[in-house]
Amino acid sequence: MEGSKGVMEKILCVDDDPNLLLLYQEELSEEGYHLIIARNSRQALEKFEAESPQLVILDMHMPNMEGLKTLKALLERNKSLPIILNTAYPVDLKNILSWGIVSYVIKSSDLTELKAKIKEAIALIKKDK
């Protein structure tokens, strides 16, 4: 997916599962996205500062700092940042979605739903520009 200026959208993908990250890297790169990988919350915050992604896919359960703290830290840095929560664990959707989260996706090796949510989020970003 290239923007109107020919620039690939940068997506920060945060997950502690290396196999899932590899799958995301392969599948989402094929879709034309520039994927930035972080294996924990600390890396996520560092890469967010360095790379300025347009979108974040965030696992809620990771080492070093739980996903909720990462979510708060990311939103403190950019309140309008689109974030897709991607987790295998149940979450309090009412609470989480009230923070301005774009979407919530159940983890799966089938990325059809995640890809659809990414496209929706990118469309919203472009609409707001």
N, C-alpha and C. Protein backbone atom coordinates (compact mmCIF):
# COMPACT_ATOMS: atom_id res chain seq x y z
N MET A 1 0.84 -1.18 0.00
CA MET A 1 0.00 0.00 0.00
C MET A 1 0.88 1.24 0.00
N GLU A 2 0.78 1.99 -1.04
CA GLU A 2 1.55 3.21 -1.09
C GLU A 2 0.60 4.37 -0.99
N GLY A 3 1.03 5.36 -0.24
CA GLY A 3 0.25 6.57 -0.09
C GLY A 3 0.29 7.38 -1.38
N SER A 4 -0.41 8.49 -1.38
CA SER A 4 -0.49 9.30 -2.58
C SER A 4 0.87 9.87 -2.98
N LYS A 5 1.80 9.93 -2.06
CA LYS A 5 3.13 10.44 -2.36
C LYS A 5 4.12 9.30 -2.60
N GLY A 6 3.63 8.06 -2.72
CA GLY A 6 4.50 6.93 -3.00
C GLY A 6 5.27 6.42 -1.79
N VAL A 7 4.83 6.77 -0.61
CA VAL A 7 5.52 6.37 0.62
C VAL A 7 4.77 5.20 1.25
N MET A 8 5.51 4.16 1.64
CA MET A 8 4.89 3.01 2.29
C MET A 8 4.49 3.37 3.71
N GLU A 9 3.32 2.91 4.14
CA GLU A 9 2.90 3.13 5.51
C GLU A 9 3.77 2.29 6.44
N LYS A 10 4.25 2.93 7.50
CA LYS A 10 5.05 2.22 8.50
C LYS A 10 4.12 1.71 9.59
N ILE A 11 4.26 0.41 9.89
CA ILE A 11 3.46 -0.21 10.94
C ILE A 11 4.42 -0.79 11.97
N LEU A 12 4.25 -0.37 13.21
CA LEU A 12 5.01 -0.95 14.31
C LEU A 12 4.22 -2.13 14.85
N CYS A 13 4.83 -3.32 14.80
CA CYS A 13 4.18 -4.54 15.27
C CYS A 13 4.90 -5.01 16.53
N VAL A 14 4.17 -5.07 17.63
CA VAL A 14 4.75 -5.39 18.93
C VAL A 14 4.18 -6.72 19.43
N ASP A 15 5.05 -7.73 19.54
CA ASP A 15 4.63 -9.05 20.00
C ASP A 15 5.86 -9.81 20.48
N ASP A 16 5.70 -10.64 21.50
CA ASP A 16 6.84 -11.40 22.03
C ASP A 16 6.98 -12.78 21.38
N ASP A 17 6.11 -13.11 20.44
CA ASP A 17 6.16 -14.40 19.75
C ASP A 17 6.94 -14.25 18.44
N PRO A 18 8.20 -14.76 18.38
CA PRO A 18 9.01 -14.57 17.17
C PRO A 18 8.41 -15.21 15.93
N ASN A 19 7.71 -16.33 16.08
CA ASN A 19 7.09 -16.99 14.93
C ASN A 19 5.96 -16.15 14.35
N LEU A 20 5.19 -15.56 15.23
CA LEU A 20 4.10 -14.70 14.78
C LEU A 20 4.65 -13.44 14.10
N LEU A 21 5.72 -12.89 14.66
CA LEU A 21 6.34 -11.71 14.05
C LEU A 21 6.87 -12.02 12.66
N LEU A 22 7.44 -13.21 12.49
CA LEU A 22 7.93 -13.63 11.18
C LEU A 22 6.77 -13.72 10.18
N LEU A 23 5.67 -14.30 10.62
CA LEU A 23 4.47 -14.38 9.77
C LEU A 23 3.98 -12.98 9.40
N TYR A 24 3.90 -12.09 10.38
CA TYR A 24 3.48 -10.72 10.10
C TYR A 24 4.41 -10.05 9.11
N GLN A 25 5.72 -10.23 9.32
CA GLN A 25 6.72 -9.62 8.44
C GLN A 25 6.50 -10.06 6.99
N GLU A 26 6.34 -11.36 6.80
CA GLU A 26 6.15 -11.90 5.45
C GLU A 26 4.84 -11.42 4.82
N GLU A 27 3.76 -11.61 5.55
CA GLU A 27 2.43 -11.32 5.00
C GLU A 27 2.20 -9.82 4.78
N LEU A 28 2.58 -9.01 5.75
CA LEU A 28 2.29 -7.58 5.63
C LEU A 28 3.25 -6.88 4.68
N SER A 29 4.47 -7.39 4.57
CA SER A 29 5.40 -6.84 3.57
C SER A 29 4.88 -7.11 2.17
N GLU A 30 4.29 -8.29 1.97
CA GLU A 30 3.69 -8.62 0.67
C GLU A 30 2.53 -7.68 0.33
N GLU A 31 1.88 -7.17 1.38
CA GLU A 31 0.78 -6.22 1.18
C GLU A 31 1.30 -4.81 0.88
N GLY A 32 2.62 -4.61 1.00
CA GLY A 32 3.20 -3.32 0.68
C GLY A 32 3.48 -2.42 1.87
N TYR A 33 3.35 -2.96 3.08
CA TYR A 33 3.61 -2.16 4.28
C TYR A 33 5.07 -2.30 4.70
N HIS A 34 5.59 -1.25 5.31
CA HIS A 34 6.93 -1.30 5.91
C HIS A 34 6.72 -1.67 7.38
N LEU A 35 7.10 -2.90 7.74
CA LEU A 35 6.86 -3.39 9.10
C LEU A 35 8.08 -3.15 9.98
N ILE A 36 7.84 -2.58 11.14
CA ILE A 36 8.87 -2.35 12.16
C ILE A 36 8.54 -3.32 13.29
N ILE A 37 9.51 -4.16 13.64
CA ILE A 37 9.28 -5.23 14.61
C ILE A 37 9.83 -4.85 15.98
N ALA A 38 9.03 -5.11 17.02
CA ALA A 38 9.49 -4.96 18.40
C ALA A 38 9.04 -6.20 19.17
N ARG A 39 9.97 -6.79 19.93
CA ARG A 39 9.66 -8.03 20.65
C ARG A 39 9.22 -7.80 22.09
N ASN A 40 9.30 -6.56 22.55
CA ASN A 40 8.84 -6.25 23.91
C ASN A 40 8.48 -4.77 23.97
N SER A 41 7.95 -4.37 25.09
CA SER A 41 7.47 -3.00 25.23
C SER A 41 8.59 -1.98 25.17
N ARG A 42 9.71 -2.31 25.74
CA ARG A 42 10.85 -1.38 25.73
C ARG A 42 11.29 -1.11 24.29
N GLN A 43 11.44 -2.18 23.51
CA GLN A 43 11.80 -2.02 22.09
C GLN A 43 10.72 -1.21 21.36
N ALA A 44 9.47 -1.48 21.69
CA ALA A 44 8.36 -0.79 21.03
C ALA A 44 8.47 0.72 21.21
N LEU A 45 8.73 1.15 22.43
CA LEU A 45 8.82 2.59 22.68
C LEU A 45 10.05 3.20 22.00
N GLU A 46 11.16 2.47 22.01
CA GLU A 46 12.37 2.96 21.33
C GLU A 46 12.13 3.09 19.83
N LYS A 47 11.54 2.06 19.24
CA LYS A 47 11.31 2.07 17.79
C LYS A 47 10.23 3.07 17.39
N PHE A 48 9.27 3.27 18.28
CA PHE A 48 8.25 4.28 18.02
C PHE A 48 8.89 5.66 17.90
N GLU A 49 9.77 5.97 18.84
CA GLU A 49 10.46 7.27 18.82
C GLU A 49 11.35 7.41 17.59
N ALA A 50 12.05 6.35 17.22
CA ALA A 50 13.01 6.41 16.11
C ALA A 50 12.34 6.39 14.73
N GLU A 51 11.24 5.65 14.59
CA GLU A 51 10.65 5.39 13.27
C GLU A 51 9.38 6.17 12.95
N SER A 52 8.67 6.67 13.96
CA SER A 52 7.41 7.40 13.76
C SER A 52 6.41 6.64 12.87
N PRO A 53 5.98 5.46 13.31
CA PRO A 53 5.03 4.69 12.49
C PRO A 53 3.66 5.37 12.44
N GLN A 54 2.91 5.07 11.37
CA GLN A 54 1.56 5.61 11.24
C GLN A 54 0.53 4.78 11.99
N LEU A 55 0.89 3.53 12.31
CA LEU A 55 -0.05 2.59 12.92
C LEU A 55 0.73 1.62 13.80
N VAL A 56 0.08 1.16 14.88
CA VAL A 56 0.71 0.18 15.77
C VAL A 56 -0.22 -1.02 15.93
N ILE A 57 0.36 -2.22 15.83
CA ILE A 57 -0.33 -3.46 16.16
C ILE A 57 0.30 -3.93 17.46
N LEU A 58 -0.49 -4.04 18.52
CA LEU A 58 0.05 -4.26 19.86
C LEU A 58 -0.54 -5.50 20.52
N ASP A 59 0.35 -6.39 20.95
CA ASP A 59 -0.04 -7.53 21.79
C ASP A 59 -0.16 -7.00 23.22
N MET A 60 -1.19 -7.38 23.92
CA MET A 60 -1.42 -6.86 25.27
C MET A 60 -0.62 -7.58 26.35
N HIS A 61 -0.08 -8.77 26.08
CA HIS A 61 0.61 -9.55 27.11
C HIS A 61 2.04 -9.84 26.68
N MET A 62 2.99 -9.07 27.25
CA MET A 62 4.40 -9.22 26.89
C MET A 62 5.29 -9.03 28.12
N PRO A 63 6.56 -9.48 28.02
CA PRO A 63 7.49 -9.27 29.13
C PRO A 63 7.95 -7.81 29.23
N ASN A 64 8.63 -7.49 30.31
CA ASN A 64 9.24 -6.18 30.60
C ASN A 64 8.25 -5.10 31.00
N MET A 65 7.13 -5.03 30.38
CA MET A 65 6.10 -4.06 30.70
C MET A 65 4.82 -4.60 30.08
N GLU A 66 3.77 -4.71 30.84
CA GLU A 66 2.56 -5.27 30.25
C GLU A 66 2.02 -4.37 29.14
N GLY A 67 1.24 -4.97 28.27
CA GLY A 67 0.74 -4.26 27.11
C GLY A 67 -0.05 -3.00 27.44
N LEU A 68 -0.79 -3.03 28.54
CA LEU A 68 -1.59 -1.87 28.93
C LEU A 68 -0.70 -0.66 29.21
N LYS A 69 0.43 -0.89 29.87
CA LYS A 69 1.37 0.21 30.13
C LYS A 69 1.98 0.71 28.83
N THR A 70 2.25 -0.20 27.91
CA THR A 70 2.78 0.20 26.60
C THR A 70 1.76 1.04 25.86
N LEU A 71 0.52 0.59 25.91
CA LEU A 71 -0.57 1.32 25.28
C LEU A 71 -0.63 2.74 25.82
N LYS A 72 -0.61 2.88 27.13
CA LYS A 72 -0.65 4.21 27.75
C LYS A 72 0.54 5.06 27.32
N ALA A 73 1.73 4.45 27.32
CA ALA A 73 2.94 5.19 26.95
C ALA A 73 2.89 5.66 25.50
N LEU A 74 2.40 4.81 24.60
CA LEU A 74 2.28 5.20 23.19
C LEU A 74 1.29 6.34 23.02
N LEU A 75 0.15 6.24 23.70
CA LEU A 75 -0.87 7.28 23.57
C LEU A 75 -0.43 8.59 24.21
N GLU A 76 0.42 8.53 25.23
CA GLU A 76 0.98 9.76 25.80
C GLU A 76 1.86 10.47 24.78
N ARG A 77 2.53 9.70 23.94
CA ARG A 77 3.42 10.27 22.92
C ARG A 77 2.64 10.79 21.71
N ASN A 78 1.49 10.15 21.43
CA ASN A 78 0.68 10.56 20.29
C ASN A 78 -0.76 10.13 20.54
N LYS A 79 -1.58 11.06 21.00
CA LYS A 79 -2.97 10.74 21.37
C LYS A 79 -3.82 10.27 20.19
N SER A 80 -3.45 10.66 18.99
CA SER A 80 -4.25 10.27 17.82
C SER A 80 -3.69 9.05 17.09
N LEU A 81 -2.71 8.39 17.70
CA LEU A 81 -2.08 7.22 17.08
C LEU A 81 -3.07 6.07 16.93
N PRO A 82 -3.28 5.57 15.71
CA PRO A 82 -4.15 4.41 15.55
C PRO A 82 -3.44 3.14 16.07
N ILE A 83 -4.12 2.42 16.94
CA ILE A 83 -3.56 1.20 17.52
C ILE A 83 -4.57 0.08 17.35
N ILE A 84 -4.08 -1.05 16.84
CA ILE A 84 -4.89 -2.27 16.75
C ILE A 84 -4.38 -3.22 17.81
N LEU A 85 -5.25 -3.59 18.75
CA LEU A 85 -4.87 -4.57 19.76
C LEU A 85 -5.00 -5.95 19.16
N ASN A 86 -3.96 -6.75 19.34
CA ASN A 86 -3.91 -8.10 18.78
C ASN A 86 -3.51 -9.04 19.91
N THR A 87 -4.48 -9.76 20.44
CA THR A 87 -4.18 -10.60 21.59
C THR A 87 -5.04 -11.84 21.62
N ALA A 88 -4.53 -12.86 22.26
CA ALA A 88 -5.27 -14.11 22.42
C ALA A 88 -6.09 -14.12 23.70
N TYR A 89 -5.88 -13.10 24.54
CA TYR A 89 -6.53 -13.05 25.84
C TYR A 89 -7.73 -12.10 25.80
N PRO A 90 -8.76 -12.40 26.60
CA PRO A 90 -9.90 -11.49 26.65
C PRO A 90 -9.48 -10.16 27.29
N VAL A 91 -10.05 -9.08 26.78
CA VAL A 91 -9.78 -7.76 27.34
C VAL A 91 -11.11 -7.06 27.61
N ASP A 92 -11.06 -6.05 28.44
CA ASP A 92 -12.24 -5.24 28.71
C ASP A 92 -12.40 -4.25 27.56
N LEU A 93 -13.15 -4.66 26.56
CA LEU A 93 -13.26 -3.85 25.34
C LEU A 93 -13.83 -2.46 25.59
N LYS A 94 -14.80 -2.36 26.48
CA LYS A 94 -15.40 -1.06 26.74
C LYS A 94 -14.34 -0.07 27.22
N ASN A 95 -13.50 -0.52 28.15
CA ASN A 95 -12.44 0.32 28.70
C ASN A 95 -11.40 0.64 27.64
N ILE A 96 -10.92 -0.38 26.94
CA ILE A 96 -9.85 -0.21 25.96
C ILE A 96 -10.32 0.66 24.79
N LEU A 97 -11.48 0.38 24.24
CA LEU A 97 -11.95 1.13 23.07
C LEU A 97 -12.24 2.58 23.41
N SER A 98 -12.53 2.88 24.67
CA SER A 98 -12.77 4.27 25.07
C SER A 98 -11.49 5.10 24.99
N TRP A 99 -10.35 4.45 24.91
CA TRP A 99 -9.07 5.17 24.81
C TRP A 99 -8.77 5.61 23.39
N GLY A 100 -9.60 5.26 22.45
CA GLY A 100 -9.36 5.65 21.07
C GLY A 100 -8.67 4.58 20.25
N ILE A 101 -8.68 3.35 20.74
CA ILE A 101 -8.10 2.25 19.99
C ILE A 101 -8.93 2.05 18.72
N VAL A 102 -8.26 1.85 17.61
CA VAL A 102 -8.95 1.68 16.34
C VAL A 102 -9.70 0.36 16.30
N SER A 103 -9.05 -0.71 16.78
CA SER A 103 -9.66 -2.03 16.63
C SER A 103 -9.05 -3.05 17.58
N TYR A 104 -9.71 -4.17 17.66
CA TYR A 104 -9.28 -5.29 18.48
C TYR A 104 -9.40 -6.54 17.62
N VAL A 105 -8.33 -7.35 17.57
CA VAL A 105 -8.32 -8.55 16.75
C VAL A 105 -7.84 -9.72 17.59
N ILE A 106 -8.52 -10.87 17.47
CA ILE A 106 -8.07 -12.09 18.13
C ILE A 106 -6.89 -12.64 17.34
N LYS A 107 -5.80 -12.98 18.05
CA LYS A 107 -4.61 -13.53 17.39
C LYS A 107 -4.95 -14.79 16.62
N SER A 108 -4.37 -14.88 15.42
CA SER A 108 -4.61 -16.03 14.57
C SER A 108 -3.50 -16.10 13.53
N SER A 109 -3.24 -17.31 13.04
CA SER A 109 -2.27 -17.44 11.94
C SER A 109 -2.92 -17.04 10.61
N ASP A 110 -4.25 -16.93 10.60
CA ASP A 110 -4.97 -16.41 9.44
C ASP A 110 -5.07 -14.89 9.63
N LEU A 111 -4.37 -14.16 8.81
CA LEU A 111 -4.28 -12.71 8.98
C LEU A 111 -5.35 -11.92 8.22
N THR A 112 -6.37 -12.61 7.73
CA THR A 112 -7.41 -11.94 6.95
C THR A 112 -8.05 -10.80 7.72
N GLU A 113 -8.47 -11.06 8.95
CA GLU A 113 -9.13 -10.02 9.75
C GLU A 113 -8.16 -8.89 10.09
N LEU A 114 -6.94 -9.24 10.47
CA LEU A 114 -5.95 -8.22 10.80
C LEU A 114 -5.67 -7.33 9.59
N LYS A 115 -5.50 -7.93 8.42
CA LYS A 115 -5.25 -7.15 7.21
C LYS A 115 -6.41 -6.19 6.92
N ALA A 116 -7.63 -6.67 7.13
CA ALA A 116 -8.80 -5.81 6.91
C ALA A 116 -8.81 -4.64 7.88
N LYS A 117 -8.47 -4.90 9.14
CA LYS A 117 -8.42 -3.83 10.15
C LYS A 117 -7.32 -2.83 9.83
N ILE A 118 -6.19 -3.31 9.33
CA ILE A 118 -5.10 -2.42 8.94
C ILE A 118 -5.56 -1.50 7.81
N LYS A 119 -6.21 -2.08 6.80
CA LYS A 119 -6.69 -1.27 5.67
C LYS A 119 -7.69 -0.21 6.14
N GLU A 120 -8.58 -0.59 7.07
CA GLU A 120 -9.54 0.37 7.62
C GLU A 120 -8.81 1.51 8.34
N ALA A 121 -7.82 1.15 9.14
CA ALA A 121 -7.07 2.16 9.90
C ALA A 121 -6.31 3.10 8.97
N ILE A 122 -5.67 2.54 7.95
CA ILE A 122 -4.92 3.35 6.98
C ILE A 122 -5.88 4.30 6.24
N ALA A 123 -7.06 3.80 5.90
CA ALA A 123 -8.05 4.65 5.22
C ALA A 123 -8.46 5.81 6.12
N LEU A 124 -8.63 5.56 7.41
CA LEU A 124 -8.97 6.63 8.35
C LEU A 124 -7.84 7.65 8.46
N ILE A 125 -6.61 7.17 8.48
CA ILE A 125 -5.46 8.07 8.56
C ILE A 125 -5.44 8.99 7.34
N LYS A 126 -5.62 8.41 6.16
CA LYS A 126 -5.58 9.19 4.92
C LYS A 126 -6.75 10.18 4.86
N LYS A 127 -7.90 9.77 5.37
CA LYS A 127 -9.08 10.63 5.38
C LYS A 127 -8.86 11.86 6.26
N ASP A 128 -8.15 11.67 7.37
CA ASP A 128 -7.91 12.76 8.32
C ASP A 128 -6.83 13.73 7.87
N LYS A 129 -6.07 13.36 6.84
CA LYS A 129 -4.98 14.25 6.38
C LYS A 129 -5.49 15.38 5.55
